[in-house]
Protein backbone atom coordinates (compact mmCIF):
# COMPACT_ATOMS: atom_id res chain seq x y z
CA MET A 1 84.24 -10.01 64.16
CA ASP A 2 87.75 -11.48 64.76
CA GLU A 3 90.09 -13.58 63.11
CA LYS A 4 93.25 -14.82 63.67
CA LEU A 5 96.28 -12.37 63.72
CA GLN A 6 98.85 -13.75 61.03
CA LYS A 7 95.64 -13.88 58.85
CA VAL A 8 94.95 -9.83 59.31
CA LEU A 9 98.63 -8.76 58.81
CA ALA A 10 99.24 -11.44 55.80
CA ARG A 11 95.96 -9.53 54.23
CA ALA A 12 97.41 -6.24 55.04
CA GLY A 13 100.49 -7.09 52.23
CA GLN A 14 102.77 -7.49 55.03
CA GLY A 15 103.90 -10.92 54.21
CA SER A 16 102.72 -14.66 54.01
CA ARG A 17 100.98 -16.05 56.64
CA ARG A 18 104.24 -18.38 57.37
CA GLU A 19 106.32 -14.83 57.67
CA MET A 20 103.82 -13.73 59.93
CA GLU A 21 103.68 -16.55 62.33
CA THR A 22 107.59 -16.05 62.50
CA ARG A 23 107.40 -12.64 63.65
CA ILE A 24 104.87 -13.43 65.91
CA ARG A 25 107.10 -15.87 67.26
CA GLU A 26 109.93 -13.62 67.54
CA GLY A 27 107.93 -11.06 69.56
CA ARG A 28 108.14 -8.18 66.86
CA VAL A 29 104.36 -8.00 66.60
CA LEU A 30 102.25 -6.17 69.16
CA VAL A 31 98.27 -5.72 69.71
CA ASN A 32 97.41 -2.91 71.92
CA GLY A 33 100.79 -2.27 73.07
CA GLU A 34 101.18 -6.00 74.75
CA VAL A 35 103.42 -8.61 72.95
CA ALA A 36 101.46 -10.85 70.82
CA THR A 37 101.20 -14.79 70.59
CA LEU A 38 100.70 -17.07 68.09
CA GLY A 39 97.15 -18.13 67.89
CA ASP A 40 95.54 -14.30 69.15
CA ARG A 41 92.86 -13.24 67.36
CA VAL A 42 92.10 -9.61 66.65
CA SER A 43 89.11 -7.45 65.17
CA LEU A 44 89.52 -4.05 63.27
CA THR A 45 89.18 -1.95 66.30
CA ASP A 46 92.47 -3.40 67.68
CA THR A 47 95.53 -1.34 67.44
CA ILE A 48 98.33 -3.72 65.78
CA SER A 49 102.13 -3.11 65.15
CA ILE A 50 105.10 -5.00 63.69
CA ASP A 51 108.57 -3.43 64.84
CA GLY A 52 107.03 -0.34 66.02
CA TYR A 53 105.14 0.26 63.01
CA VAL A 54 101.35 0.59 63.18
CA ILE A 55 99.53 -1.66 60.69
CA GLU A 56 96.28 -1.03 59.12
CA ALA A 57 94.01 -3.89 59.28
CA THR A 58 91.16 -4.21 56.46
CA GLU A 59 88.22 -6.16 55.74
CA ALA A 60 88.49 -9.06 53.58
CA GLY A 61 88.78 -8.42 49.68
CA GLU A 62 89.59 -4.43 50.69
CA ASN A 63 92.18 -2.70 48.87
CA ARG A 64 93.24 -6.01 47.12
CA ARG A 65 95.67 -5.58 43.84
CA ILE A 66 97.00 -8.29 41.56
CA ILE A 67 99.61 -7.75 39.21
CA ILE A 68 100.81 -9.78 36.30
CA TYR A 69 105.06 -9.08 35.99
CA ASN A 70 107.12 -10.69 32.59
CA LYS A 71 110.03 -11.63 34.43
CA PRO A 72 113.18 -11.80 32.06
CA GLU A 73 115.92 -13.89 32.41
CA GLY A 74 118.82 -12.92 34.86
CA GLU A 75 116.49 -11.75 37.74
CA VAL A 76 116.45 -13.58 40.99
CA CYS A 77 112.74 -13.88 42.97
CA THR A 78 113.94 -12.47 46.18
CA ARG A 79 113.73 -8.82 47.72
CA LYS A 80 117.52 -8.03 48.39
CA ASP A 81 120.18 -10.26 46.76
CA PRO A 82 123.52 -10.59 48.52
CA GLU A 83 125.72 -10.54 45.10
CA GLY A 84 123.77 -7.13 44.19
CA ARG A 85 122.06 -9.22 41.16
CA PRO A 86 118.54 -7.84 39.94
CA THR A 87 115.48 -8.75 41.65
CA VAL A 88 111.82 -9.07 40.50
CA PHE A 89 110.80 -6.83 42.97
CA ASP A 90 113.33 -3.70 41.46
CA LYS A 91 110.62 -2.65 38.96
CA LEU A 92 107.16 -3.11 40.63
CA PRO A 93 105.07 -0.01 41.57
CA LYS A 94 105.61 1.42 44.99
CA LEU A 95 103.34 0.86 47.87
CA ARG A 96 102.85 2.62 51.11
CA GLY A 97 102.43 0.84 54.08
CA GLU A 98 102.22 -2.90 52.61
CA ARG A 99 104.21 -4.83 49.95
CA TRP A 100 104.15 -6.93 47.17
CA ILE A 101 103.83 -10.55 47.78
CA ALA A 102 104.98 -13.11 45.16
CA VAL A 103 102.70 -15.97 44.27
CA GLY A 104 105.45 -18.78 43.56
CA ARG A 105 109.04 -18.46 42.33
CA LEU A 106 111.06 -18.51 39.10
CA ASP A 107 114.79 -19.52 39.10
CA ILE A 108 117.04 -16.76 37.68
CA ASN A 109 117.43 -18.65 34.39
CA THR A 110 113.45 -18.72 33.78
CA SER A 111 111.34 -16.16 32.48
CA GLY A 112 107.77 -15.18 32.19
CA LEU A 113 104.94 -14.71 34.15
CA LEU A 114 105.13 -14.09 37.75
CA LEU A 115 102.16 -12.91 39.99
CA PHE A 116 102.35 -10.27 42.70
CA THR A 117 99.41 -9.24 45.18
CA THR A 118 98.90 -7.42 48.12
CA ASP A 119 96.63 -9.71 49.95
CA GLY A 120 98.93 -12.72 51.52
CA GLU A 121 96.15 -14.61 52.41
CA LEU A 122 95.37 -14.85 48.64
CA ALA A 123 99.11 -15.63 47.56
CA ASN A 124 98.87 -18.52 50.33
CA ARG A 125 96.01 -20.47 48.43
CA LEU A 126 97.29 -19.69 45.48
CA MET A 127 100.51 -21.59 45.94
CA HIS A 128 98.98 -23.88 48.21
CA PRO A 129 99.08 -27.53 46.89
CA SER A 130 95.44 -28.18 47.48
CA THR A 131 94.28 -25.50 45.23
CA GLU A 132 95.80 -27.66 42.54
CA ILE A 133 96.36 -24.51 39.97
CA ASP A 134 98.02 -25.81 36.76
CA ARG A 135 100.82 -24.04 35.25
CA GLU A 136 102.11 -23.84 31.65
CA TYR A 137 105.52 -23.73 30.51
CA LEU A 138 106.98 -23.02 27.20
CA VAL A 139 110.44 -25.01 27.17
CA ARG A 140 113.31 -25.68 24.71
CA VAL A 141 115.45 -29.04 25.12
CA MET A 142 118.29 -30.20 23.68
CA GLY A 143 118.51 -33.79 22.73
CA GLU A 144 116.54 -36.38 21.36
CA VAL A 145 113.16 -36.91 23.12
CA THR A 146 111.01 -40.10 21.91
CA GLU A 147 107.49 -41.41 22.47
CA GLU A 148 108.81 -43.16 25.54
CA ASN A 149 110.38 -40.12 27.26
CA ILE A 150 107.27 -38.28 26.75
CA ALA A 151 104.99 -41.52 27.92
CA ALA A 152 107.38 -41.41 31.01
CA LEU A 153 107.13 -37.60 31.85
CA LYS A 154 103.37 -37.90 31.78
CA LYS A 155 103.07 -40.95 33.93
CA GLY A 156 105.43 -40.23 36.54
CA VAL A 157 109.06 -39.75 37.45
CA ILE A 158 110.17 -40.82 41.16
CA MET A 159 112.38 -37.74 42.20
CA ASP A 160 114.41 -36.84 45.46
CA ASP A 161 111.41 -34.62 46.58
CA GLY A 162 109.11 -37.19 45.36
CA ILE A 163 107.06 -38.26 42.12
CA ALA A 164 106.63 -35.65 39.89
CA LYS A 165 104.55 -35.62 36.43
CA PHE A 166 103.74 -33.24 33.42
CA THR A 167 99.74 -33.33 33.37
CA ASP A 168 100.11 -32.71 29.28
CA ILE A 169 102.96 -32.37 26.77
CA VAL A 170 102.25 -30.76 23.54
CA ASP A 171 104.61 -30.79 20.52
CA GLY A 172 106.09 -27.15 19.66
CA GLY A 173 108.01 -28.18 16.73
CA GLY A 174 111.60 -27.41 16.28
CA GLU A 175 114.47 -28.64 14.31
CA GLY A 176 117.56 -30.69 14.77
CA ILE A 177 118.56 -31.22 18.19
CA ASN A 178 116.58 -28.51 19.70
CA ARG A 179 112.67 -28.96 20.39
CA TRP A 180 109.93 -26.95 21.56
CA PHE A 181 107.55 -28.60 23.64
CA TYR A 182 104.36 -26.88 26.08
CA VAL A 183 104.22 -28.85 29.10
CA CYS A 184 101.62 -28.47 31.89
CA LEU A 185 101.98 -29.70 35.66
CA MET A 186 99.83 -28.99 38.69
CA GLU A 187 103.00 -27.90 41.02
CA GLY A 188 105.77 -25.69 41.42
CA ARG A 189 108.37 -27.35 43.21
CA ASN A 190 111.79 -26.24 42.65
CA ARG A 191 113.36 -26.57 39.36
CA GLU A 192 110.78 -29.36 38.45
CA VAL A 193 110.33 -28.56 35.01
CA ARG A 194 114.07 -28.94 34.15
CA ARG A 195 114.98 -31.78 36.73
CA LEU A 196 111.95 -33.97 34.84
CA TRP A 197 113.29 -33.50 31.21
CA GLU A 198 117.08 -34.12 32.90
CA SER A 199 115.30 -37.25 33.92
CA GLN A 200 114.84 -38.21 30.53
CA GLY A 201 118.54 -37.22 29.65
CA VAL A 202 117.65 -33.83 27.55
CA LYS A 203 118.91 -30.34 28.80
CA VAL A 204 115.99 -27.44 28.79
CA ASN A 205 117.96 -24.39 27.51
CA ARG A 206 115.05 -22.01 27.28
CA LEU A 207 112.28 -22.02 29.66
CA LYS A 208 109.49 -19.46 30.07
CA ARG A 209 106.25 -19.65 32.26
CA VAL A 210 103.12 -18.85 29.86
CA ARG A 211 100.10 -19.21 32.37
CA PHE A 212 99.05 -19.59 35.77
CA GLY A 213 95.76 -20.98 36.26
CA PRO A 214 93.21 -19.26 34.12
CA ILE A 215 95.74 -16.17 33.73
CA PHE A 216 97.79 -16.02 30.81
CA LEU A 217 100.69 -13.89 30.14
CA PRO A 218 99.17 -10.49 27.90
CA SER A 219 101.16 -9.60 25.01
CA LYS A 220 100.92 -6.07 26.30
CA ALA A 221 103.13 -6.93 29.27
CA LYS A 222 106.23 -6.76 27.64
CA VAL A 223 109.51 -8.25 29.33
CA GLY A 224 110.68 -6.45 32.82
CA ARG A 225 107.01 -4.76 32.47
CA TRP A 226 104.27 -5.65 34.59
CA VAL A 227 100.29 -4.95 33.83
CA GLU A 228 97.55 -4.84 36.81
CA MET A 229 94.80 -6.84 36.80
CA GLU A 230 91.29 -4.90 36.71
CA ASP A 231 89.16 -5.84 39.52
CA ALA A 232 86.33 -7.78 37.59
CA GLU A 233 89.39 -10.27 37.06
CA VAL A 234 90.88 -10.16 40.48
CA ASN A 235 87.54 -11.24 41.77
CA SER A 236 86.85 -13.93 39.36
CA LEU A 237 90.42 -15.53 40.99
CA CYS A 238 89.53 -15.02 44.53
CA ALA A 239 86.23 -16.68 44.04
CA MET A 240 88.34 -19.89 42.42
CA VAL A 241 89.75 -20.30 45.81
CA ASP A 242 86.88 -19.58 47.89
CA LEU A 243 88.13 -16.37 49.07
CA LYS A 244 85.27 -13.11 49.81
CA VAL A 245 85.01 -10.95 46.50
CA SER A 246 85.51 -7.41 47.15
CA GLU A 247 82.95 -4.60 46.30
CA LEU A 248 84.19 -3.29 42.65
CA LYS A 249 84.65 0.66 43.11
CA PRO A 250 86.05 3.02 40.77
CA LYS A 251 89.69 3.70 40.79
CA THR A 252 91.14 6.43 43.00
CA GLN A 253 92.86 9.31 40.99
CA GLN A 254 96.23 8.29 42.16
CA GLN A 255 96.12 4.67 40.68
CA LYS A 256 94.66 6.43 37.53
CA LEU A 257 97.60 8.50 37.49
CA GLU A 258 99.90 5.46 38.21
CA LEU A 259 98.59 3.27 35.27
CA LYS A 260 98.86 5.98 32.87
CA ARG A 261 102.06 6.46 33.68
CA HIS A 262 103.09 3.20 33.06
CA LYS A 263 101.01 3.12 29.79
CA ASN A 264 102.80 5.85 28.58
CA LYS A 265 106.26 4.31 29.64
CA ALA A 266 105.42 1.24 27.86
CA THR A 267 104.53 2.86 24.83
CA ALA A 268 107.60 5.00 24.47
CA GLY A 269 109.32 1.84 24.86
CA GLY A 270 107.63 0.13 22.20
CA ALA A 271 108.40 3.27 20.01
CA ARG A 272 112.05 3.26 20.43
CA ARG A 273 111.95 -0.33 19.48
CA GLY A 274 110.55 0.33 16.15
CA GLY A 275 106.97 -0.30 16.76
CA ALA A 276 104.89 -2.81 18.58
CA ASN A 277 105.06 -6.52 17.80
CA LYS A 278 102.31 -8.19 16.65
CA GLY A 279 101.04 -11.37 18.14
CA PHE A 280 101.62 -13.09 21.54
CA ASP A 281 105.20 -11.71 22.49
CA TRP A 282 107.14 -14.77 23.77
CA GLN A 283 110.29 -12.94 24.46
CA SER A 284 110.49 -9.31 23.68
CA SER A 285 113.53 -7.42 24.59
CA ASP A 286 116.75 -5.97 22.85
CA LYS A 287 117.89 -9.62 22.10
CA GLN A 288 116.63 -11.81 19.80
CA GLU A 289 113.21 -13.59 20.35
CA PHE A 290 112.73 -16.90 20.98
CA LYS A 291 109.48 -19.12 19.95
CA PRO A 292 108.99 -22.30 18.61
CA LYS A 293 108.87 -22.17 14.44
CA LYS A 294 105.85 -24.55 14.14
CA PRO A 295 103.68 -24.75 17.04
CA GLY A 296 101.84 -27.42 17.81
CA LYS A 297 98.18 -27.36 18.83
CA ARG A 298 97.76 -26.94 22.85
CA SER A 299 94.95 -29.25 24.46
CA PHE A 300 95.31 -27.86 27.77
CA ARG A 301 94.11 -23.91 27.73
């Protein structure tokens, strides 16, 4: 069975389908020694290379991995930053013959849950607006927030790039001019959460993503650290976006050692900080935590 070339390359972890289409247009992809063109279809028996490096094509669902990363403030969602700032890719586990693909982005001042996968097709489906996967954020705003403001944010606000709105807003408590809210929206446009609140005359001074669809940020994923999802969890997420699930196989010795090293490192880090914290870890780092003092009841879990 043959498939579109860009789809096979994306599944092999070489990047998103859009990135692969660009490389094909640039003449950087060869199939059986011939320059590929957009629209070509290939099978697993074909020899595919990018920039002279042979790519190992795989069946749908084979060798698919997903990790949950707890992004700290100050990191940028790019592979290489011209200003030399740290990136979200710096601390991820190393891969051979493939690469991690970020599912969406968070701006430099936003922390929290980021997903990375080796499957470009999965990343594409998770990010596509038609999938309608909701995102949940914990946000602290500075300024007066009225019931009229809340109603406007849930009804919809006209922005430069179209109408935007929160599908739900729950009061998370707070005192004085700073208040906490849990908010949920169905898309991930650039700075959308911040721009929505700014449309009501208030400023966001803390923002953290705590959920992406059915995936919550686990407490064991400390800030700047990652946790790999189990194969059964990966299959559940793939089934949600109508992707073929993979056969559940025991982990290789290399994967077991990699996970063991990561767990030992995380345990050592917790001991140096004086032991593990109890409960959900909203912002664990050397600086003081931030979290709502009186969390409200969240209705959209």
